[in-house]
Amino acid sequence: MELDERIRVVPYDEEWTTLFQEEKGHLLKVFGDDAVDIQHFGSTSVPGMWAKPIIDVLIGVRSLELNGSITNGLIRLGYEGFGEAGVKGRLYFRKRREHAYNLAVVIWNGEQWVNNLLIRDYLRNNPDIASQYGERKLGAIRKGHTTLLSYSDDKADYVHRLLVQAKESME
């Protein structure tokens, strides 16, 4: 399967939290002690926010060298691996079935871990900013950015500014 895919943005669904918890249970069995922590992140983790209906799962590990039992376990769960997929320090896996999931396997407490959770928490604590971001996502779709790579490119600068704002809010 190719990395790029058609995407859509939908209103927040309260089921996303439950879907994350269920998938987290499956992933804990696969990763065992290699997973320091597993967090729900991305737009599906922000109540009330428009999002792609894909649950983003952040898995913090001590090493990005995953052993064969982990990669085989992910394959058995239906995940496909894409390596770093353009993001240094992250292993990207995705599952597309009845419910869709993206996994970001990163170094626990490393830059990817900290930045992703910082943005998530900033959006959770600032519903007005989350609403603006949701409108930005809808605007990208309206402009015709309906594939993953085009959509991601369109909002990349905005997400970078969100990270800067989130960091400034911590000072």
Protein backbone atom coordinates (compact mmCIF):
# COMPACT_ATOMS: atom_id res chain seq x y z
CA MET A 1 0.00 0.00 0.00
CA GLU A 2 1.11 3.52 -0.78
CA LEU A 3 1.60 6.12 1.97
CA ASP A 4 -0.71 8.68 0.37
CA GLU A 5 -4.43 8.03 0.78
CA ARG A 6 -7.75 9.82 0.42
CA ILE A 7 -8.87 11.51 3.62
CA ARG A 8 -11.91 13.27 5.02
CA VAL A 9 -12.62 15.36 8.10
CA VAL A 10 -15.64 14.69 10.33
CA PRO A 11 -17.11 16.12 13.55
CA TYR A 12 -15.79 14.80 16.86
CA ASP A 13 -17.07 11.36 17.85
CA GLU A 14 -17.11 10.38 21.53
CA GLU A 15 -16.48 6.75 20.49
CA TRP A 16 -12.90 7.69 19.59
CA THR A 17 -11.81 7.57 23.24
CA THR A 18 -13.25 4.06 23.64
CA LEU A 19 -11.67 2.88 20.38
CA PHE A 20 -8.31 4.18 21.59
CA GLN A 21 -8.62 2.35 24.93
CA GLU A 22 -9.51 -0.92 23.20
CA GLU A 23 -6.60 -0.63 20.74
CA LYS A 24 -4.23 0.35 23.54
CA GLY A 25 -5.04 -2.98 25.22
CA HIS A 26 -4.11 -4.90 22.06
CA LEU A 27 -0.93 -2.86 21.60
CA LEU A 28 0.18 -3.40 25.21
CA LYS A 29 0.06 -7.15 24.57
CA VAL A 30 2.25 -6.72 21.48
CA PHE A 31 4.78 -4.27 22.95
CA GLY A 32 4.86 -5.60 26.52
CA ASP A 33 7.54 -3.91 28.61
CA ASP A 34 9.01 -2.27 25.49
CA ALA A 35 6.20 0.32 25.63
CA VAL A 36 7.00 2.83 28.36
CA ASP A 37 3.68 4.60 27.73
CA ILE A 38 0.87 4.67 25.17
CA GLN A 39 -1.12 7.88 24.65
CA HIS A 40 -4.04 9.00 22.50
CA PHE A 41 -2.97 12.09 20.55
CA GLY A 42 -3.89 14.02 17.46
CA SER A 43 -7.24 15.60 16.74
CA THR A 44 -9.32 12.54 17.71
CA SER A 45 -8.01 13.03 21.26
CA VAL A 46 -9.36 16.59 21.53
CA PRO A 47 -13.03 16.69 22.58
CA GLY A 48 -15.21 18.63 20.15
CA MET A 49 -12.59 18.92 17.42
CA TRP A 50 -13.06 18.09 13.73
CA ALA A 51 -10.68 15.31 12.69
CA LYS A 52 -9.87 12.62 10.21
CA PRO A 53 -11.71 9.55 11.62
CA ILE A 54 -8.36 7.87 12.33
CA ILE A 55 -7.29 7.23 15.92
CA ASP A 56 -3.72 8.46 16.47
CA VAL A 57 -1.75 6.38 18.97
CA LEU A 58 1.60 7.55 20.37
CA ILE A 59 3.79 4.75 21.71
CA GLY A 60 6.81 5.74 23.76
CA VAL A 61 9.72 3.27 23.68
CA ARG A 62 13.35 3.35 24.84
CA SER A 63 14.69 2.27 21.42
CA LEU A 64 13.32 2.47 17.89
CA GLU A 65 14.92 -0.90 17.17
CA LEU A 66 11.75 -2.99 17.40
CA ASN A 67 12.24 -6.73 17.80
CA GLY A 68 10.64 -9.25 15.47
CA SER A 69 7.94 -10.26 17.94
CA ILE A 70 6.68 -6.66 18.04
CA THR A 71 6.67 -6.18 14.27
CA ASN A 72 5.04 -9.59 13.78
CA GLY A 73 2.45 -8.74 16.44
CA LEU A 74 1.63 -5.49 14.68
CA ILE A 75 1.21 -7.35 11.39
CA ARG A 76 -1.16 -9.82 13.12
CA LEU A 77 -3.21 -6.83 14.38
CA GLY A 78 -3.46 -5.59 10.79
CA TYR A 79 -0.80 -2.85 10.84
CA GLU A 80 1.41 -1.98 7.93
CA GLY A 81 4.79 -0.31 8.53
CA PHE A 82 6.12 2.69 6.61
CA GLY A 83 9.40 3.37 8.44
CA GLU A 84 9.92 7.01 9.37
CA ALA A 85 7.64 8.17 6.52
CA GLY A 86 9.32 11.58 6.39
CA VAL A 87 9.41 12.24 10.15
CA LYS A 88 12.83 11.71 11.70
CA GLY A 89 12.67 9.83 14.98
CA ARG A 90 9.26 8.24 14.39
CA LEU A 91 8.23 4.82 13.12
CA TYR A 92 4.85 5.03 11.39
CA PHE A 93 2.37 2.16 11.19
CA ARG A 94 -1.25 2.23 10.11
CA LYS A 95 -4.26 -0.05 10.17
CA ARG A 96 -7.25 0.47 7.90
CA ARG A 97 -10.17 -1.76 8.80
CA GLU A 98 -13.64 -1.01 10.20
CA HIS A 99 -11.86 1.55 12.39
CA ALA A 100 -8.64 3.23 11.29
CA TYR A 101 -5.52 3.74 13.40
CA ASN A 102 -2.17 5.45 12.99
CA LEU A 103 0.72 4.50 15.27
CA ALA A 104 3.63 6.79 15.93
CA VAL A 105 6.37 4.86 17.71
CA VAL A 106 8.82 7.36 19.20
CA ILE A 107 11.43 7.65 21.92
CA TRP A 108 9.61 8.17 25.22
CA ASN A 109 10.18 11.71 26.51
CA GLY A 110 12.10 12.54 23.30
CA GLU A 111 11.29 15.50 21.06
CA GLN A 112 8.51 13.74 19.10
CA TRP A 113 6.87 12.47 22.31
CA VAL A 114 7.00 15.83 24.08
CA ASN A 115 5.90 17.94 21.09
CA ASN A 116 2.93 15.75 20.16
CA LEU A 117 1.59 15.69 23.71
CA LEU A 118 2.25 19.42 24.14
CA ILE A 119 0.07 20.23 21.11
CA ARG A 120 -2.63 17.79 22.26
CA ASP A 121 -2.78 19.27 25.75
CA TYR A 122 -2.69 22.84 24.42
CA LEU A 123 -5.69 22.14 22.17
CA ARG A 124 -7.56 20.36 24.98
CA ASN A 125 -7.01 23.34 27.27
CA ASN A 126 -7.89 25.95 24.63
CA PRO A 127 -11.17 25.02 22.93
CA ASP A 128 -11.19 28.29 20.95
CA ILE A 129 -7.81 27.41 19.40
CA ALA A 130 -9.02 23.84 18.75
CA SER A 131 -12.08 25.27 17.00
CA GLN A 132 -9.88 27.52 14.83
CA TYR A 133 -7.71 24.52 13.94
CA GLY A 134 -10.83 22.54 13.03
CA GLU A 135 -11.89 25.35 10.69
CA ARG A 136 -8.40 25.33 9.18
CA LYS A 137 -8.75 21.60 8.48
CA LEU A 138 -12.15 22.08 6.84
CA GLY A 139 -10.67 24.88 4.75
CA ALA A 140 -7.93 22.56 3.52
CA ILE A 141 -10.54 20.01 2.43
CA ARG A 142 -12.61 22.73 0.72
CA LYS A 143 -9.49 23.82 -1.20
CA GLY A 144 -9.20 20.28 -2.56
CA HIS A 145 -6.53 18.87 -0.23
CA THR A 146 -8.25 15.49 0.06
CA THR A 147 -5.21 13.23 0.07
CA LEU A 148 -3.03 12.72 3.14
CA LEU A 149 0.18 14.26 1.82
CA SER A 150 -1.49 17.30 0.26
CA TYR A 151 -3.62 17.86 3.39
CA SER A 152 -0.60 17.49 5.68
CA ASP A 153 1.48 19.90 3.59
CA ASP A 154 -1.34 22.46 3.59
CA LYS A 155 -1.53 22.57 7.38
CA ALA A 156 2.16 22.03 8.23
CA ASP A 157 2.95 25.71 8.93
CA TYR A 158 -0.19 26.05 11.04
CA VAL A 159 0.77 23.01 13.14
CA HIS A 160 4.27 24.43 13.59
CA ARG A 161 2.76 27.72 14.85
CA LEU A 162 0.53 25.71 17.23
CA LEU A 163 3.62 24.05 18.66
CA VAL A 164 5.30 27.43 19.17
CA GLN A 165 2.17 28.77 20.90
CA ALA A 166 1.96 25.65 23.07
CA LYS A 167 5.60 26.04 24.12
CA GLU A 168 5.11 29.75 24.87
CA SER A 169 2.08 28.94 27.00
CA MET A 170 4.31 26.73 29.19
CA GLU A 171 6.71 29.59 29.99
